[in-house]
Amino acid sequence: MKLAEALVFRADSYKKIAQLKQRLERVVKVQEGEAPAEDPQALIADLKNTLQDQTSWIRKINKTNAITPFNTEMTISDALAERDRFMQHRKLLSDIVEEASIRQDRFSRSEVRYQRTVDVAALQKEIDELSKSYRELDFRIQEMNWRTDLIED
């Protein structure tokens, strides 16, 4: 099995857990004299099994990512951390640009006037470069996911 397939199964487990939670929330209380639409105990058992499956997928994925070389300098785990850094840095700079770009209307000459203390154009250029780096790295990670065999233990 390829790493990418395991990632799909892990994502499916997250969705199934959310759905089971919603279904449980609908049947844990019923009006007196009514029967629940589904057996809560069966749903809880399914939830427990799905959580165990999810944990198994996470362990296999993490192990594979930790020992599989991404390139000569880093593993897939390292590449994922780097991708996350690009995303976080981009988000922080975007928030700064957003704050610096907000126009403050003045209604009289006595109101305080604000001025920017950052170069919005330069920050936007850096945001664009981070976005490009993120996309390129993400593409290479996805490519590796489809070429890498999952370590089954």
C-alpha atoms as a PDB file:
ATOM      1  CA  MET A   1       0.000   0.000   0.000  1.00  0.00           C
ATOM      2  CA  LYS A   2       1.215   3.491  -0.803  1.00  0.00           C
ATOM      3  CA  LEU A   3       1.498   6.256   1.766  1.00  0.00           C
ATOM      4  CA  ALA A   4      -1.056   8.346  -0.134  1.00  0.00           C
ATOM      5  CA  GLU A   5      -3.644   5.575   0.215  1.00  0.00           C
ATOM      6  CA  ALA A   6      -3.059   5.418   3.966  1.00  0.00           C
ATOM      7  CA  LEU A   7      -3.520   9.197   4.156  1.00  0.00           C
ATOM      8  CA  VAL A   8      -6.901   8.798   2.450  1.00  0.00           C
ATOM      9  CA  PHE A   9      -7.925   6.108   4.944  1.00  0.00           C
ATOM     10  CA  ARG A  10      -6.817   8.324   7.832  1.00  0.00           C
ATOM     11  CA  ALA A  11      -8.865  11.239   6.459  1.00  0.00           C
ATOM     12  CA  ASP A  12     -11.860   8.924   6.061  1.00  0.00           C
ATOM     13  CA  SER A  13     -11.526   7.875   9.699  1.00  0.00           C
ATOM     14  CA  TYR A  14     -11.697  11.520  10.816  1.00  0.00           C
ATOM     15  CA  LYS A  15     -14.900  11.977   8.797  1.00  0.00           C
ATOM     16  CA  LYS A  16     -16.408   8.750  10.117  1.00  0.00           C
ATOM     17  CA  ILE A  17     -15.632   9.734  13.723  1.00  0.00           C
ATOM     18  CA  ALA A  18     -17.335  13.111  13.218  1.00  0.00           C
ATOM     19  CA  GLN A  19     -20.378  11.406  11.690  1.00  0.00           C
ATOM     20  CA  LEU A  20     -20.576   8.842  14.505  1.00  0.00           C
ATOM     21  CA  LYS A  21     -20.386  11.664  17.054  1.00  0.00           C
ATOM     22  CA  GLN A  22     -23.293  13.458  15.379  1.00  0.00           C
ATOM     23  CA  ARG A  23     -25.332  10.259  15.207  1.00  0.00           C
ATOM     24  CA  LEU A  24     -24.631   9.575  18.882  1.00  0.00           C
ATOM     25  CA  GLU A  25     -25.655  13.089  19.868  1.00  0.00           C
ATOM     26  CA  ARG A  26     -29.034  12.483  18.203  1.00  0.00           C
ATOM     27  CA  VAL A  27     -29.735   9.227  20.067  1.00  0.00           C
ATOM     28  CA  VAL A  28     -28.269   9.644  23.557  1.00  0.00           C
ATOM     29  CA  LYS A  29     -31.481  11.322  24.723  1.00  0.00           C
ATOM     30  CA  VAL A  30     -34.986  10.517  23.611  1.00  0.00           C
ATOM     31  CA  GLN A  31     -38.378  11.541  24.814  1.00  0.00           C
ATOM     32  CA  GLU A  32     -39.746   9.355  27.565  1.00  0.00           C
ATOM     33  CA  GLY A  33     -41.459   6.309  26.080  1.00  0.00           C
ATOM     34  CA  GLU A  34     -39.649   6.656  22.745  1.00  0.00           C
ATOM     35  CA  ALA A  35     -36.915   4.395  21.375  1.00  0.00           C
ATOM     36  CA  PRO A  36     -33.735   5.794  19.834  1.00  0.00           C
ATOM     37  CA  ALA A  37     -33.493   5.639  16.050  1.00  0.00           C
ATOM     38  CA  GLU A  38     -30.162   3.781  16.386  1.00  0.00           C
ATOM     39  CA  ASP A  39     -28.595   1.663  19.102  1.00  0.00           C
ATOM     40  CA  PRO A  40     -26.243   3.965  21.037  1.00  0.00           C
ATOM     41  CA  GLN A  41     -24.139   1.027  22.247  1.00  0.00           C
ATOM     42  CA  ALA A  42     -23.552  -0.147  18.669  1.00  0.00           C
ATOM     43  CA  LEU A  43     -22.542   3.378  17.674  1.00  0.00           C
ATOM     44  CA  ILE A  44     -20.161   3.619  20.644  1.00  0.00           C
ATOM     45  CA  ALA A  45     -18.608   0.266  19.664  1.00  0.00           C
ATOM     46  CA  ASP A  46     -18.219   1.478  16.067  1.00  0.00           C
ATOM     47  CA  LEU A  47     -16.663   4.707  17.356  1.00  0.00           C
ATOM     48  CA  LYS A  48     -14.183   2.766  19.483  1.00  0.00           C
ATOM     49  CA  ASN A  49     -13.173   0.549  16.535  1.00  0.00           C
ATOM     50  CA  THR A  50     -12.809   3.544  14.230  1.00  0.00           C
ATOM     51  CA  LEU A  51     -10.616   5.327  16.787  1.00  0.00           C
ATOM     52  CA  GLN A  52      -8.398   2.229  17.011  1.00  0.00           C
ATOM     53  CA  ASP A  53      -8.158   2.066  13.209  1.00  0.00           C
ATOM     54  CA  GLN A  54      -7.331   5.761  13.066  1.00  0.00           C
ATOM     55  CA  THR A  55      -4.561   5.352  15.634  1.00  0.00           C
ATOM     56  CA  SER A  56      -3.111   2.492  13.611  1.00  0.00           C
ATOM     57  CA  TRP A  57      -3.111   4.596  10.419  1.00  0.00           C
ATOM     58  CA  ILE A  58      -1.516   7.544  12.235  1.00  0.00           C
ATOM     59  CA  ARG A  59       1.252   5.356  13.671  1.00  0.00           C
ATOM     60  CA  LYS A  60       2.049   3.798  10.287  1.00  0.00           C
ATOM     61  CA  ILE A  61       1.981   7.156   8.516  1.00  0.00           C
ATOM     62  CA  ASN A  62       4.172   8.818  11.162  1.00  0.00           C
ATOM     63  CA  LYS A  63       6.672   5.963  11.101  1.00  0.00           C
ATOM     64  CA  THR A  64       6.839   6.041   7.311  1.00  0.00           C
ATOM     65  CA  ASN A  65       7.251   9.822   7.242  1.00  0.00           C
ATOM     66  CA  ALA A  66       9.935   9.735   9.941  1.00  0.00           C
ATOM     67  CA  ILE A  67      12.254   7.274   8.205  1.00  0.00           C
ATOM     68  CA  THR A  68      11.610   7.894   4.507  1.00  0.00           C
ATOM     69  CA  PRO A  69      14.124  10.238   2.875  1.00  0.00           C
ATOM     70  CA  PHE A  70      12.527  13.175   1.073  1.00  0.00           C
ATOM     71  CA  ASN A  71      15.817  14.306  -0.399  1.00  0.00           C
ATOM     72  CA  THR A  72      19.455  14.125   0.667  1.00  0.00           C
ATOM     73  CA  GLU A  73      18.917  16.558   3.546  1.00  0.00           C
ATOM     74  CA  MET A  74      15.573  15.662   5.093  1.00  0.00           C
ATOM     75  CA  THR A  75      12.866  13.070   5.670  1.00  0.00           C
ATOM     76  CA  ILE A  76       9.229  13.391   4.679  1.00  0.00           C
ATOM     77  CA  SER A  77       8.507  14.496   8.277  1.00  0.00           C
ATOM     78  CA  ASP A  78      11.058  17.269   7.902  1.00  0.00           C
ATOM     79  CA  ALA A  79       9.482  18.330   4.604  1.00  0.00           C
ATOM     80  CA  LEU A  80       6.045  18.426   6.247  1.00  0.00           C
ATOM     81  CA  ALA A  81       7.411  20.621   9.038  1.00  0.00           C
ATOM     82  CA  GLU A  82       8.978  22.930   6.463  1.00  0.00           C
ATOM     83  CA  ARG A  83       5.694  23.112   4.529  1.00  0.00           C
ATOM     84  CA  ASP A  84       3.870  23.996   7.754  1.00  0.00           C
ATOM     85  CA  ARG A  85       6.433  26.733   8.428  1.00  0.00           C
ATOM     86  CA  PHE A  86       5.758  28.235   4.971  1.00  0.00           C
ATOM     87  CA  MET A  87       2.020  28.170   5.649  1.00  0.00           C
ATOM     88  CA  GLN A  88       2.307  29.717   9.112  1.00  0.00           C
ATOM     89  CA  HIS A  89       4.742  32.427   7.965  1.00  0.00           C
ATOM     90  CA  ARG A  90       2.481  33.277   5.019  1.00  0.00           C
ATOM     91  CA  LYS A  91      -0.581  33.500   7.281  1.00  0.00           C
ATOM     92  CA  LEU A  92       1.184  35.779   9.760  1.00  0.00           C
ATOM     93  CA  LEU A  93       2.371  38.128   7.020  1.00  0.00           C
ATOM     94  CA  SER A  94      -1.093  38.119   5.429  1.00  0.00           C
ATOM     95  CA  ASP A  95      -2.607  39.141   8.746  1.00  0.00           C
ATOM     96  CA  ILE A  96      -0.082  41.983   9.046  1.00  0.00           C
ATOM     97  CA  VAL A  97      -0.827  43.170   5.510  1.00  0.00           C
ATOM     98  CA  GLU A  98      -4.545  42.986   6.245  1.00  0.00           C
ATOM     99  CA  GLU A  99      -4.131  45.114   9.363  1.00  0.00           C
ATOM    100  CA  ALA A 100      -1.897  47.635   7.575  1.00  0.00           C
ATOM    101  CA  SER A 101      -4.315  47.902   4.671  1.00  0.00           C
ATOM    102  CA  ILE A 102      -7.394  48.820   6.694  1.00  0.00           C
ATOM    103  CA  ARG A 103      -8.398  52.345   5.881  1.00  0.00           C
ATOM    104  CA  GLN A 104      -9.283  54.578   8.756  1.00  0.00           C
ATOM    105  CA  ASP A 105     -11.732  57.267   7.801  1.00  0.00           C
ATOM    106  CA  ARG A 106     -11.436  60.598   9.549  1.00  0.00           C
ATOM    107  CA  PHE A 107     -14.494  62.702  10.050  1.00  0.00           C
ATOM    108  CA  SER A 108     -12.768  65.822  11.324  1.00  0.00           C
ATOM    109  CA  ARG A 109      -9.288  67.323  11.276  1.00  0.00           C
ATOM    110  CA  SER A 110      -8.895  66.785  15.010  1.00  0.00           C
ATOM    111  CA  GLU A 111      -9.100  62.986  14.760  1.00  0.00           C
ATOM    112  CA  VAL A 112      -5.898  60.993  14.987  1.00  0.00           C
ATOM    113  CA  ARG A 113      -4.318  60.060  11.701  1.00  0.00           C
ATOM    114  CA  TYR A 114      -2.595  56.709  11.309  1.00  0.00           C
ATOM    115  CA  GLN A 115       0.231  55.782   8.993  1.00  0.00           C
ATOM    116  CA  ARG A 116       1.693  52.462   8.013  1.00  0.00           C
ATOM    117  CA  THR A 117       4.969  51.345   9.532  1.00  0.00           C
ATOM    118  CA  VAL A 118       5.504  48.474   7.100  1.00  0.00           C
ATOM    119  CA  ASP A 119       6.019  48.235   3.356  1.00  0.00           C
ATOM    120  CA  VAL A 120       2.830  46.471   2.251  1.00  0.00           C
ATOM    121  CA  ALA A 121       4.098  45.865  -1.286  1.00  0.00           C
ATOM    122  CA  ALA A 122       7.296  44.210  -0.013  1.00  0.00           C
ATOM    123  CA  LEU A 123       5.333  42.065   2.423  1.00  0.00           C
ATOM    124  CA  GLN A 124       2.928  41.076  -0.346  1.00  0.00           C
ATOM    125  CA  LYS A 125       5.866  40.044  -2.507  1.00  0.00           C
ATOM    126  CA  GLU A 126       7.184  37.905   0.345  1.00  0.00           C
ATOM    127  CA  ILE A 127       3.716  36.383   0.805  1.00  0.00           C
ATOM    128  CA  ASP A 128       3.661  35.493  -2.896  1.00  0.00           C
ATOM    129  CA  GLU A 129       7.096  33.877  -2.643  1.00  0.00           C
ATOM    130  CA  LEU A 130       6.046  31.886   0.442  1.00  0.00           C
ATOM    131  CA  SER A 131       2.880  30.767  -1.347  1.00  0.00           C
ATOM    132  CA  LYS A 132       4.915  29.578  -4.312  1.00  0.00           C
ATOM    133  CA  SER A 133       7.389  27.744  -2.052  1.00  0.00           C
ATOM    134  CA  TYR A 134       4.497  26.130  -0.208  1.00  0.00           C
ATOM    135  CA  ARG A 135       2.827  24.963  -3.440  1.00  0.00           C
ATOM    136  CA  GLU A 136       6.056  23.569  -4.871  1.00  0.00           C
ATOM    137  CA  LEU A 137       6.950  21.711  -1.685  1.00  0.00           C
ATOM    138  CA  ASP A 138       3.396  20.438  -1.260  1.00  0.00           C
ATOM    139  CA  PHE A 139       3.428  19.103  -4.819  1.00  0.00           C
ATOM    140  CA  ARG A 140       6.703  17.238  -4.179  1.00  0.00           C
ATOM    141  CA  ILE A 141       5.311  15.833  -0.907  1.00  0.00           C
ATOM    142  CA  GLN A 142       2.171  14.605  -2.688  1.00  0.00           C
ATOM    143  CA  GLU A 143       4.342  13.027  -5.358  1.00  0.00           C
ATOM    144  CA  MET A 144       6.393  11.252  -2.676  1.00  0.00           C
ATOM    145  CA  ASN A 145       3.210  10.018  -1.019  1.00  0.00           C
ATOM    146  CA  TRP A 146       2.243   8.169  -4.191  1.00  0.00           C
ATOM    147  CA  ARG A 147       5.721   6.670  -4.650  1.00  0.00           C
ATOM    148  CA  THR A 148       6.357   5.670  -1.037  1.00  0.00           C
ATOM    149  CA  ASP A 149       5.300   2.313   0.356  1.00  0.00           C
ATOM    150  CA  LEU A 150       3.616   2.470   3.761  1.00  0.00           C
ATOM    151  CA  ILE A 151       5.630   0.805   6.531  1.00  0.00           C
ATOM    152  CA  GLU A 152       3.219  -1.733   7.969  1.00  0.00           C
ATOM    153  CA  ASP A 153       5.382  -2.580  11.067  1.00  0.00           C
END
